Structure formats: C-alpha cells, structure tokens
Amino acid sequence: MGERDLNLISLLLEAHRAGVALLTEGGNLKLKAIKPPPQRLLDAITASKAHIIQLLTQPTQRQDMENIIAGYEERAAIGEFCGGQNRVAAENGAMMDILSTL
C-alpha cells in the first residue's frame, strides 16, 4: 500500500470520525453529515475527490475500506469501554493502530 493510499485512508477515517458519510451517485461524490464538517476536512476531501470516487466505486477497494472502518470502530470501542479511555483517546489510538497495520 502506497503513501497516497495511506493518506486517503487517514482522510476517510477522519471524515468518519467527523460524522461525514461519503457516497457516490452517478459518478459524483456526495457528502452527508449531521452538522457541517470543518472547512479543512472539506478542502482535503475536495483535493482527493477523484481518488475517493475511485475507491468507493471499485468493489474490492470499497470492501477493504469498509473492513478498515469496521476495525477502527471496534478498536475505538474496546479502548473506550474495556480500556477505560475517553472517546477521543480511544479513537486516536484506534486510528494509530489501523494506520500502523497497513
């Protein structure tokens, strides 16, 4: 896995943490969020738009990304509920764990 892929995964995990769902519709990237995401995140998503669309429209890569997010959520929950960490610390630890395994 290349550096670009790691940066993209990190970006998608950050979007997930911010409550942003990224979807494709007719070759376009759509964002759904409960509250407006930070501008910095929107700028990063815009800059990586073509790669995100590619990732989300290729079934194998999409499944890989879904597995990565599921692993991230599981690690964060374990850190919070079994490890006694606050949510932010658990999420940060989970992100570091995921990125170190790629």
PDB file of N, CA and C in Angstrom:
ATOM      1  N   MET A   1       0.851  -1.172   0.000  1.00  0.00           N
ATOM      2  CA  MET A   1       0.000   0.000   0.000  1.00  0.00           C
ATOM      3  C   MET A   1       0.893   1.230   0.000  1.00  0.00           C
ATOM      4  N   GLY A   2       0.613   2.144  -0.923  1.00  0.00           N
ATOM      5  CA  GLY A   2       1.443   3.328  -1.074  1.00  0.00           C
ATOM      6  C   GLY A   2       1.068   4.448  -0.121  1.00  0.00           C
ATOM      7  N   GLU A   3       1.912   5.486  -0.132  1.00  0.00           N
ATOM      8  CA  GLU A   3       1.678   6.635   0.747  1.00  0.00           C
ATOM      9  C   GLU A   3       0.355   7.329   0.418  1.00  0.00           C
ATOM     10  N   ARG A   4       0.029   7.419  -0.884  1.00  0.00           N
ATOM     11  CA  ARG A   4      -1.235   8.044  -1.284  1.00  0.00           C
ATOM     12  C   ARG A   4      -2.409   7.279  -0.691  1.00  0.00           C
ATOM     13  N   ASP A   5      -2.333   5.937  -0.712  1.00  0.00           N
ATOM     14  CA  ASP A   5      -3.407   5.126  -0.153  1.00  0.00           C
ATOM     15  C   ASP A   5      -3.537   5.347   1.352  1.00  0.00           C
ATOM     16  N   LEU A   6      -2.405   5.426   2.049  1.00  0.00           N
ATOM     17  CA  LEU A   6      -2.444   5.670   3.493  1.00  0.00           C
ATOM     18  C   LEU A   6      -3.037   7.043   3.799  1.00  0.00           C
ATOM     19  N   ASN A   7      -2.665   8.049   3.022  1.00  0.00           N
ATOM     20  CA  ASN A   7      -3.230   9.386   3.217  1.00  0.00           C
ATOM     21  C   ASN A   7      -4.728   9.383   2.967  1.00  0.00           C
ATOM     22  N   LEU A   8      -5.158   8.652   1.947  1.00  0.00           N
ATOM     23  CA  LEU A   8      -6.580   8.578   1.631  1.00  0.00           C
ATOM     24  C   LEU A   8      -7.341   7.862   2.741  1.00  0.00           C
ATOM     25  N   ILE A   9      -6.797   6.771   3.237  1.00  0.00           N
ATOM     26  CA  ILE A   9      -7.445   6.047   4.334  1.00  0.00           C
ATOM     27  C   ILE A   9      -7.515   6.930   5.576  1.00  0.00           C
ATOM     28  N   SER A  10      -6.445   7.628   5.871  1.00  0.00           N
ATOM     29  CA  SER A  10      -6.441   8.546   7.010  1.00  0.00           C
ATOM     30  C   SER A  10      -7.517   9.617   6.846  1.00  0.00           C
ATOM     31  N   LEU A  11      -7.642  10.153   5.647  1.00  0.00           N
ATOM     32  CA  LEU A  11      -8.666  11.167   5.362  1.00  0.00           C
ATOM     33  C   LEU A  11     -10.067  10.591   5.543  1.00  0.00           C
ATOM     34  N   LEU A  12     -10.307   9.388   5.037  1.00  0.00           N
ATOM     35  CA  LEU A  12     -11.632   8.784   5.152  1.00  0.00           C
ATOM     36  C   LEU A  12     -11.961   8.440   6.601  1.00  0.00           C
ATOM     37  N   LEU A  13     -10.975   8.016   7.362  1.00  0.00           N
ATOM     38  CA  LEU A  13     -11.211   7.776   8.791  1.00  0.00           C
ATOM     39  C   LEU A  13     -11.523   9.085   9.513  1.00  0.00           C
ATOM     40  N   GLU A  14     -10.816  10.146   9.147  1.00  0.00           N
ATOM     41  CA  GLU A  14     -11.090  11.449   9.756  1.00  0.00           C
ATOM     42  C   GLU A  14     -12.504  11.920   9.418  1.00  0.00           C
ATOM     43  N   ALA A  15     -12.922  11.717   8.176  1.00  0.00           N
ATOM     44  CA  ALA A  15     -14.291  12.082   7.784  1.00  0.00           C
ATOM     45  C   ALA A  15     -15.297  11.260   8.582  1.00  0.00           C
ATOM     46  N   HIS A  16     -15.028   9.981   8.730  1.00  0.00           N
ATOM     47  CA  HIS A  16     -15.914   9.107   9.501  1.00  0.00           C
ATOM     48  C   HIS A  16     -16.026   9.594  10.947  1.00  0.00           C
ATOM     49  N   ARG A  17     -14.887   9.957  11.548  1.00  0.00           N
ATOM     50  CA  ARG A  17     -14.884  10.471  12.924  1.00  0.00           C
ATOM     51  C   ARG A  17     -15.681  11.757  13.046  1.00  0.00           C
ATOM     52  N   ALA A  18     -15.693  12.562  11.980  1.00  0.00           N
ATOM     53  CA  ALA A  18     -16.416  13.835  11.997  1.00  0.00           C
ATOM     54  C   ALA A  18     -17.894  13.653  11.664  1.00  0.00           C
ATOM     55  N   GLY A  19     -18.318  12.404  11.441  1.00  0.00           N
ATOM     56  CA  GLY A  19     -19.724  12.145  11.136  1.00  0.00           C
ATOM     57  C   GLY A  19     -20.095  12.413   9.697  1.00  0.00           C
ATOM     58  N   VAL A  20     -19.119  12.363   8.809  1.00  0.00           N
ATOM     59  CA  VAL A  20     -19.347  12.624   7.393  1.00  0.00           C
ATOM     60  C   VAL A  20     -19.401  11.287   6.658  1.00  0.00           C
ATOM     61  N   ALA A  21     -20.489  11.046   5.958  1.00  0.00           N
ATOM     62  CA  ALA A  21     -20.624   9.867   5.103  1.00  0.00           C
ATOM     63  C   ALA A  21     -20.314  10.293   3.673  1.00  0.00           C
ATOM     64  N   LEU A  22     -19.454   9.545   3.016  1.00  0.00           N
ATOM     65  CA  LEU A  22     -19.092   9.830   1.631  1.00  0.00           C
ATOM     66  C   LEU A  22     -19.722   8.768   0.747  1.00  0.00           C
ATOM     67  N   LEU A  23     -20.470   9.211  -0.249  1.00  0.00           N
ATOM     68  CA  LEU A  23     -21.178   8.314  -1.148  1.00  0.00           C
ATOM     69  C   LEU A  23     -20.936   8.736  -2.584  1.00  0.00           C
ATOM     70  N   THR A  24     -21.097   7.800  -3.497  1.00  0.00           N
ATOM     71  CA  THR A  24     -21.039   8.165  -4.914  1.00  0.00           C
ATOM     72  C   THR A  24     -22.422   7.989  -5.505  1.00  0.00           C
ATOM     73  N   GLU A  25     -22.741   8.895  -6.410  1.00  0.00           N
ATOM     74  CA  GLU A  25     -24.038   8.854  -7.089  1.00  0.00           C
ATOM     75  C   GLU A  25     -23.826   9.358  -8.502  1.00  0.00           C
ATOM     76  N   GLY A  26     -23.978   8.468  -9.472  1.00  0.00           N
ATOM     77  CA  GLY A  26     -23.786   8.865 -10.859  1.00  0.00           C
ATOM     78  C   GLY A  26     -22.407   9.403 -11.161  1.00  0.00           C
ATOM     79  N   GLY A  27     -21.397   8.852 -10.523  1.00  0.00           N
ATOM     80  CA  GLY A  27     -20.031   9.306 -10.752  1.00  0.00           C
ATOM     81  C   GLY A  27     -19.654  10.558  -9.977  1.00  0.00           C
ATOM     82  N   ASN A  28     -20.564  11.061  -9.157  1.00  0.00           N
ATOM     83  CA  ASN A  28     -20.298  12.245  -8.339  1.00  0.00           C
ATOM     84  C   ASN A  28     -20.124  11.841  -6.881  1.00  0.00           C
ATOM     85  N   LEU A  29     -19.351  12.616  -6.164  1.00  0.00           N
ATOM     86  CA  LEU A  29     -19.146  12.381  -4.747  1.00  0.00           C
ATOM     87  C   LEU A  29     -20.162  13.195  -3.961  1.00  0.00           C
ATOM     88  N   LYS A  30     -20.862  12.535  -3.057  1.00  0.00           N
ATOM     89  CA  LYS A  30     -21.856  13.192  -2.206  1.00  0.00           C
ATOM     90  C   LYS A  30     -21.431  13.056  -0.750  1.00  0.00           C
ATOM     91  N   LEU A  31     -21.623  14.117   0.000  1.00  0.00           N
ATOM     92  CA  LEU A  31     -21.324  14.113   1.428  1.00  0.00           C
ATOM     93  C   LEU A  31     -22.620  14.252   2.197  1.00  0.00           C
ATOM     94  N   LYS A  32     -22.757  13.460   3.244  1.00  0.00           N
ATOM     95  CA  LYS A  32     -23.897  13.584   4.147  1.00  0.00           C
ATOM     96  C   LYS A  32     -23.337  13.729   5.552  1.00  0.00           C
ATOM     97  N   ALA A  33     -23.841  14.725   6.260  1.00  0.00           N
ATOM     98  CA  ALA A  33     -23.358  14.965   7.620  1.00  0.00           C
ATOM     99  C   ALA A  33     -24.472  15.590   8.446  1.00  0.00           C
ATOM    100  N   ILE A  34     -24.477  15.281   9.724  1.00  0.00           N
ATOM    101  CA  ILE A  34     -25.463  15.856  10.637  1.00  0.00           C
ATOM    102  C   ILE A  34     -25.182  17.331  10.869  1.00  0.00           C
ATOM    103  N   LYS A  35     -23.896  17.664  10.981  1.00  0.00           N
ATOM    104  CA  LYS A  35     -23.505  19.062  11.165  1.00  0.00           C
ATOM    105  C   LYS A  35     -22.403  19.381  10.156  1.00  0.00           C
ATOM    106  N   PRO A  36     -22.218  20.640   9.819  1.00  0.00           N
ATOM    107  CA  PRO A  36     -21.186  20.991   8.840  1.00  0.00           C
ATOM    108  C   PRO A  36     -19.797  20.561   9.319  1.00  0.00           C
ATOM    109  N   PRO A  37     -19.072  19.853   8.465  1.00  0.00           N
ATOM    110  CA  PRO A  37     -17.712  19.454   8.845  1.00  0.00           C
ATOM    111  C   PRO A  37     -16.759  20.639   8.783  1.00  0.00           C
ATOM    112  N   PRO A  38     -15.608  20.525   9.425  1.00  0.00           N
ATOM    113  CA  PRO A  38     -14.616  21.607   9.385  1.00  0.00           C
ATOM    114  C   PRO A  38     -14.182  21.891   7.938  1.00  0.00           C
ATOM    115  N   GLN A  39     -13.923  23.141   7.647  1.00  0.00           N
ATOM    116  CA  GLN A  39     -13.511  23.530   6.295  1.00  0.00           C
ATOM    117  C   GLN A  39     -12.247  22.818   5.860  1.00  0.00           C
ATOM    118  N   ARG A  40     -11.327  22.605   6.794  1.00  0.00           N
ATOM    119  CA  ARG A  40     -10.084  21.896   6.487  1.00  0.00           C
ATOM    120  C   ARG A  40     -10.370  20.498   5.943  1.00  0.00           C
ATOM    121  N   LEU A  41     -11.354  19.823   6.544  1.00  0.00           N
ATOM    122  CA  LEU A  41     -11.729  18.491   6.087  1.00  0.00           C
ATOM    123  C   LEU A  41     -12.373  18.554   4.712  1.00  0.00           C
ATOM    124  N   LEU A  42     -13.251  19.521   4.501  1.00  0.00           N
ATOM    125  CA  LEU A  42     -13.880  19.689   3.183  1.00  0.00           C
ATOM    126  C   LEU A  42     -12.837  19.965   2.100  1.00  0.00           C
ATOM    127  N   ASP A  43     -11.852  20.787   2.424  1.00  0.00           N
ATOM    128  CA  ASP A  43     -10.784  21.091   1.453  1.00  0.00           C
ATOM    129  C   ASP A  43      -9.993  19.834   1.108  1.00  0.00           C
ATOM    130  N   ALA A  44      -9.689  19.020   2.118  1.00  0.00           N
ATOM    131  CA  ALA A  44      -8.934  17.789   1.878  1.00  0.00           C
ATOM    132  C   ALA A  44      -9.749  16.794   1.049  1.00  0.00           C
ATOM    133  N   ILE A  45     -11.043  16.702   1.319  1.00  0.00           N
ATOM    134  CA  ILE A  45     -11.914  15.814   0.539  1.00  0.00           C
ATOM    135  C   ILE A  45     -11.979  16.298  -0.903  1.00  0.00           C
ATOM    136  N   THR A  46     -12.123  17.592  -1.095  1.00  0.00           N
ATOM    137  CA  THR A  46     -12.171  18.152  -2.450  1.00  0.00           C
ATOM    138  C   THR A  46     -10.883  17.862  -3.207  1.00  0.00           C
ATOM    139  N   ALA A  47      -9.754  18.013  -2.539  1.00  0.00           N
ATOM    140  CA  ALA A  47      -8.461  17.776  -3.183  1.00  0.00           C
ATOM    141  C   ALA A  47      -8.275  16.307  -3.574  1.00  0.00           C
ATOM    142  N   SER A  48      -8.929  15.395  -2.857  1.00  0.00           N
ATOM    143  CA  SER A  48      -8.783  13.956  -3.116  1.00  0.00           C
ATOM    144  C   SER A  48     -10.021  13.349  -3.773  1.00  0.00           C
ATOM    145  N   LYS A  49     -10.885  14.186  -4.278  1.00  0.00           N
ATOM    146  CA  LYS A  49     -12.183  13.744  -4.794  1.00  0.00           C
ATOM    147  C   LYS A  49     -12.071  12.598  -5.798  1.00  0.00           C
ATOM    148  N   ALA A  50     -11.212  12.723  -6.790  1.00  0.00           N
ATOM    149  CA  ALA A  50     -11.105  11.690  -7.827  1.00  0.00           C
ATOM    150  C   ALA A  50     -10.682  10.351  -7.233  1.00  0.00           C
ATOM    151  N   HIS A  51      -9.743  10.379  -6.299  1.00  0.00           N
ATOM    152  CA  HIS A  51      -9.278   9.134  -5.676  1.00  0.00           C
ATOM    153  C   HIS A  51     -10.344   8.520  -4.774  1.00  0.00           C
ATOM    154  N   ILE A  52     -11.113   9.367  -4.084  1.00  0.00           N
ATOM    155  CA  ILE A  52     -12.195   8.866  -3.232  1.00  0.00           C
ATOM    156  C   ILE A  52     -13.258   8.195  -4.089  1.00  0.00           C
ATOM    157  N   ILE A  53     -13.628   8.825  -5.188  1.00  0.00           N
ATOM    158  CA  ILE A  53     -14.626   8.237  -6.088  1.00  0.00           C
ATOM    159  C   ILE A  53     -14.127   6.890  -6.606  1.00  0.00           C
ATOM    160  N   GLN A  54     -12.861   6.837  -6.996  1.00  0.00           N
ATOM    161  CA  GLN A  54     -12.273   5.586  -7.482  1.00  0.00           C
ATOM    162  C   GLN A  54     -12.361   4.503  -6.406  1.00  0.00           C
ATOM    163  N   LEU A  55     -12.011   4.857  -5.186  1.00  0.00           N
ATOM    164  CA  LEU A  55     -12.050   3.907  -4.086  1.00  0.00           C
ATOM    165  C   LEU A  55     -13.465   3.396  -3.839  1.00  0.00           C
ATOM    166  N   LEU A  56     -14.432   4.309  -3.832  1.00  0.00           N
ATOM    167  CA  LEU A  56     -15.802   3.936  -3.494  1.00  0.00           C
ATOM    168  C   LEU A  56     -16.535   3.208  -4.618  1.00  0.00           C
ATOM    169  N   THR A  57     -16.034   3.302  -5.839  1.00  0.00           N
ATOM    170  CA  THR A  57     -16.731   2.661  -6.958  1.00  0.00           C
ATOM    171  C   THR A  57     -16.107   1.333  -7.369  1.00  0.00           C
ATOM    172  N   GLN A  58     -14.969   0.983  -6.824  1.00  0.00           N
ATOM    173  CA  GLN A  58     -14.353  -0.314  -7.118  1.00  0.00           C
ATOM    174  C   GLN A  58     -14.692  -1.268  -5.981  1.00  0.00           C
ATOM    175  N   PRO A  59     -15.471  -2.317  -6.272  1.00  0.00           N
ATOM    176  CA  PRO A  59     -15.981  -3.183  -5.197  1.00  0.00           C
ATOM    177  C   PRO A  59     -14.918  -3.732  -4.249  1.00  0.00           C
ATOM    178  N   THR A  60     -13.793  -4.182  -4.758  1.00  0.00           N
ATOM    179  CA  THR A  60     -12.763  -4.751  -3.890  1.00  0.00           C
ATOM    180  C   THR A  60     -12.197  -3.690  -2.961  1.00  0.00           C
ATOM    181  N   GLN A  61     -11.891  -2.514  -3.507  1.00  0.00           N
ATOM    182  CA  GLN A  61     -11.346  -1.443  -2.672  1.00  0.00           C
ATOM    183  C   GLN A  61     -12.392  -0.945  -1.690  1.00  0.00           C
ATOM    184  N   ARG A  62     -13.636  -0.886  -2.119  1.00  0.00           N
ATOM    185  CA  ARG A  62     -14.706  -0.439  -1.218  1.00  0.00           C
ATOM    186  C   ARG A  62     -14.839  -1.396  -0.039  1.00  0.00           C
ATOM    187  N   GLN A  63     -14.788  -2.698  -0.313  1.00  0.00           N
ATOM    188  CA  GLN A  63     -14.881  -3.690   0.762  1.00  0.00           C
ATOM    189  C   GLN A  63     -13.699  -3.564   1.705  1.00  0.00           C
ATOM    190  N   ASP A  64     -12.501  -3.345   1.165  1.00  0.00           N
ATOM    191  CA  ASP A  64     -11.321  -3.143   2.005  1.00  0.00           C
ATOM    192  C   ASP A  64     -11.529  -1.947   2.928  1.00  0.00           C
ATOM    193  N   MET A  65     -12.054  -0.848   2.386  1.00  0.00           N
ATOM    194  CA  MET A  65     -12.274   0.359   3.185  1.00  0.00           C
ATOM    195  C   MET A  65     -13.323   0.110   4.254  1.00  0.00           C
ATOM    196  N   GLU A  66     -14.387  -0.605   3.917  1.00  0.00           N
ATOM    197  CA  GLU A  66     -15.417  -0.924   4.908  1.00  0.00           C
ATOM    198  C   GLU A  66     -14.835  -1.775   6.035  1.00  0.00           C
ATOM    199  N   ASN A  67     -13.943  -2.709   5.692  1.00  0.00           N
ATOM    200  CA  ASN A  67     -13.292  -3.529   6.720  1.00  0.00           C
ATOM    201  C   ASN A  67     -12.376  -2.688   7.602  1.00  0.00           C
ATOM    202  N   ILE A  68     -11.679  -1.739   7.004  1.00  0.00           N
ATOM    203  CA  ILE A  68     -10.805  -0.858   7.781  1.00  0.00           C
ATOM    204  C   ILE A  68     -11.628  -0.026   8.751  1.00  0.00           C
ATOM    205  N   ILE A  69     -12.739   0.532   8.299  1.00  0.00           N
ATOM    206  CA  ILE A  69     -13.594   1.338   9.178  1.00  0.00           C
ATOM    207  C   ILE A  69     -14.188   0.478  10.288  1.00  0.00           C
ATOM    208  N   ALA A  70     -14.609  -0.744   9.960  1.00  0.00           N
ATOM    209  CA  ALA A  70     -15.152  -1.641  10.991  1.00  0.00           C
ATOM    210  C   ALA A  70     -14.083  -1.954  12.040  1.00  0.00           C
ATOM    211  N   GLY A  71     -12.851  -2.196  11.595  1.00  0.00           N
ATOM    212  CA  GLY A  71     -11.755  -2.452  12.525  1.00  0.00           C
ATOM    213  C   GLY A  71     -11.459  -1.249  13.402  1.00  0.00           C
ATOM    214  N   TYR A  72     -11.524  -0.071  12.795  1.00  0.00           N
ATOM    215  CA  TYR A  72     -11.312   1.174  13.541  1.00  0.00           C
ATOM    216  C   TYR A  72     -12.386   1.327  14.629  1.00  0.00           C
ATOM    217  N   GLU A  73     -13.647   1.133  14.249  1.00  0.00           N
ATOM    218  CA  GLU A  73     -14.739   1.284  15.219  1.00  0.00           C
ATOM    219  C   GLU A  73     -14.612   0.274  16.354  1.00  0.00           C
ATOM    220  N   GLU A  74     -14.230  -0.960  16.002  1.00  0.00           N
ATOM    221  CA  GLU A  74     -14.073  -1.990  17.023  1.00  0.00           C
ATOM    222  C   GLU A  74     -12.944  -1.629  17.989  1.00  0.00           C
ATOM    223  N   ARG A  75     -11.803  -1.203  17.459  1.00  0.00           N
ATOM    224  CA  ARG A  75     -10.666  -0.841  18.317  1.00  0.00           C
ATOM    225  C   ARG A  75     -11.007   0.352  19.212  1.00  0.00           C
ATOM    226  N   ALA A  76     -11.724   1.332  18.649  1.00  0.00           N
ATOM    227  CA  ALA A  76     -12.107   2.502  19.447  1.00  0.00           C
ATOM    228  C   ALA A  76     -13.053   2.095  20.577  1.00  0.00           C
ATOM    229  N   ALA A  77     -14.002   1.225  20.288  1.00  0.00           N
ATOM    230  CA  ALA A  77     -14.946   0.775  21.315  1.00  0.00           C
ATOM    231  C   ALA A  77     -14.229  -0.006  22.412  1.00  0.00           C
ATOM    232  N   ILE A  78     -13.296  -0.862  22.027  1.00  0.00           N
ATOM    233  CA  ILE A  78     -12.543  -1.629  23.025  1.00  0.00           C
ATOM    234  C   ILE A  78     -11.735  -0.693  23.915  1.00  0.00           C
ATOM    235  N   GLY A  79     -11.083   0.290  23.297  1.00  0.00           N
ATOM    236  CA  GLY A  79     -10.306   1.249  24.081  1.00  0.00           C
ATOM    237  C   GLY A  79     -11.165   2.030  25.050  1.00  0.00           C
ATOM    238  N   GLU A  80     -12.359   2.390  24.604  1.00  0.00           N
ATOM    239  CA  GLU A  80     -13.244   3.191  25.453  1.00  0.00           C
ATOM    240  C   GLU A  80     -13.911   2.353  26.546  1.00  0.00           C
ATOM    241  N   PHE A  81     -14.519   1.250  26.163  1.00  0.00           N
ATOM    242  CA  PHE A  81     -15.337   0.508  27.113  1.00  0.00           C
ATOM    243  C   PHE A  81     -14.552  -0.523  27.928  1.00  0.00           C
ATOM    244  N   CYS A  82     -13.529  -1.105  27.346  1.00  0.00           N
ATOM    245  CA  CYS A  82     -12.726  -2.093  28.084  1.00  0.00           C
ATOM    246  C   CYS A  82     -11.445  -1.485  28.639  1.00  0.00           C
ATOM    247  N   GLY A  83     -10.927  -0.481  27.943  1.00  0.00           N
ATOM    248  CA  GLY A  83      -9.666   0.121  28.360  1.00  0.00           C
ATOM    249  C   GLY A  83      -9.821   1.342  29.230  1.00  0.00           C
ATOM    250  N   GLY A  84     -11.063   1.819  29.410  1.00  0.00           N
ATOM    251  CA  GLY A  84     -11.305   2.969  30.267  1.00  0.00           C
ATOM    252  C   GLY A  84     -10.836   4.298  29.715  1.00  0.00           C
ATOM    253  N   GLN A  85     -10.582   4.362  28.394  1.00  0.00           N
ATOM    254  CA  GLN A  85     -10.160   5.622  27.787  1.00  0.00           C
ATOM    255  C   GLN A  85     -11.374   6.487  27.468  1.00  0.00           C
ATOM    256  N   ASN A  86     -11.163   7.812  27.419  1.00  0.00           N
ATOM    257  CA  ASN A  86     -12.255   8.647  26.934  1.00  0.00           C
ATOM    258  C   ASN A  86     -12.373   8.421  25.421  1.00  0.00           C
ATOM    259  N   ARG A  87     -13.461   8.864  24.835  1.00  0.00           N
ATOM    260  CA  ARG A  87     -13.736   8.558  23.424  1.00  0.00           C
ATOM    261  C   ARG A  87     -12.652   9.100  22.487  1.00  0.00           C
ATOM    262  N   VAL A  88     -12.202  10.308  22.712  1.00  0.00           N
ATOM    263  CA  VAL A  88     -11.189  10.912  21.839  1.00  0.00           C
ATOM    264  C   VAL A  88      -9.894  10.103  21.884  1.00  0.00           C
ATOM    265  N   ALA A  89      -9.456   9.746  23.074  1.00  0.00           N
ATOM    266  CA  ALA A  89      -8.224   8.958  23.210  1.00  0.00           C
ATOM    267  C   ALA A  89      -8.388   7.591  22.557  1.00  0.00           C
ATOM    268  N   ALA A  90      -9.554   6.982  22.732  1.00  0.00           N
ATOM    269  CA  ALA A  90      -9.808   5.671  22.124  1.00  0.00           C
ATOM    270  C   ALA A  90      -9.795   5.762  20.602  1.00  0.00           C
ATOM    271  N   GLU A  91     -10.412   6.801  20.055  1.00  0.00           N
ATOM    272  CA  GLU A  91     -10.429   6.987  18.598  1.00  0.00           C
ATOM    273  C   GLU A  91      -9.028   7.258  18.065  1.00  0.00           C
ATOM    274  N   ASN A  92      -8.263   8.086  18.764  1.00  0.00           N
ATOM    275  CA  ASN A  92      -6.894   8.368  18.330  1.00  0.00           C
ATOM    276  C   ASN A  92      -6.040   7.103  18.351  1.00  0.00           C
ATOM    277  N   GLY A  93      -6.168   6.326  19.401  1.00  0.00           N
ATOM    278  CA  GLY A  93      -5.435   5.070  19.489  1.00  0.00           C
ATOM    279  C   GLY A  93      -5.835   4.100  18.393  1.00  0.00           C
ATOM    280  N   ALA A  94      -7.129   4.030  18.119  1.00  0.00           N
ATOM    281  CA  ALA A  94      -7.629   3.144  17.068  1.00  0.00           C
ATOM    282  C   ALA A  94      -7.087   3.570  15.706  1.00  0.00           C
ATOM    283  N   MET A  95      -7.054   4.863  15.456  1.00  0.00           N
ATOM    284  CA  MET A  95      -6.533   5.339  14.160  1.00  0.00           C
ATOM    285  C   MET A  95      -5.063   4.993  14.022  1.00  0.00           C
ATOM    286  N   MET A  96      -4.289   5.181  15.075  1.00  0.00           N
ATOM    287  CA  MET A  96      -2.867   4.847  15.025  1.00  0.00           C
ATOM    288  C   MET A  96      -2.675   3.333  14.806  1.00  0.00           C
ATOM    289  N   ASP A  97      -3.488   2.528  15.483  1.00  0.00           N
ATOM    290  CA  ASP A  97      -3.407   1.070  15.305  1.00  0.00           C
ATOM    291  C   ASP A  97      -3.692   0.676  13.864  1.00  0.00           C
ATOM    292  N   ILE A  98      -4.755   1.229  13.306  1.00  0.00           N
ATOM    293  CA  ILE A  98      -5.145   0.885  11.938  1.00  0.00           C
ATOM    294  C   ILE A  98      -4.063   1.299  10.964  1.00  0.00           C
ATOM    295  N   LEU A  99      -3.594   2.535  11.069  1.00  0.00           N
ATOM    296  CA  LEU A  99      -2.587   3.019  10.124  1.00  0.00           C
ATOM    297  C   LEU A  99      -1.271   2.259  10.248  1.00  0.00           C
ATOM    298  N   SER A 100      -0.946   1.789  11.439  1.00  0.00           N
ATOM    299  CA  SER A 100       0.314   1.053  11.611  1.00  0.00           C
ATOM    300  C   SER A 100       0.241  -0.353  11.033  1.00  0.00           C
ATOM    301  N   THR A 101      -0.965  -0.869  10.825  1.00  0.00           N
ATOM    302  CA  THR A 101      -1.097  -2.222  10.266  1.00  0.00           C
ATOM    303  C   THR A 101      -1.151  -2.225   8.746  1.00  0.00           C
ATOM    304  N   LEU A 102      -1.258  -1.060   8.135  1.00  0.00           N
ATOM    305  CA  LEU A 102      -1.374  -1.006   6.676  1.00  0.00           C
ATOM    306  C   LEU A 102      -0.029  -0.913   5.997  1.00  0.00           C
TER     307      LEU A 102
END
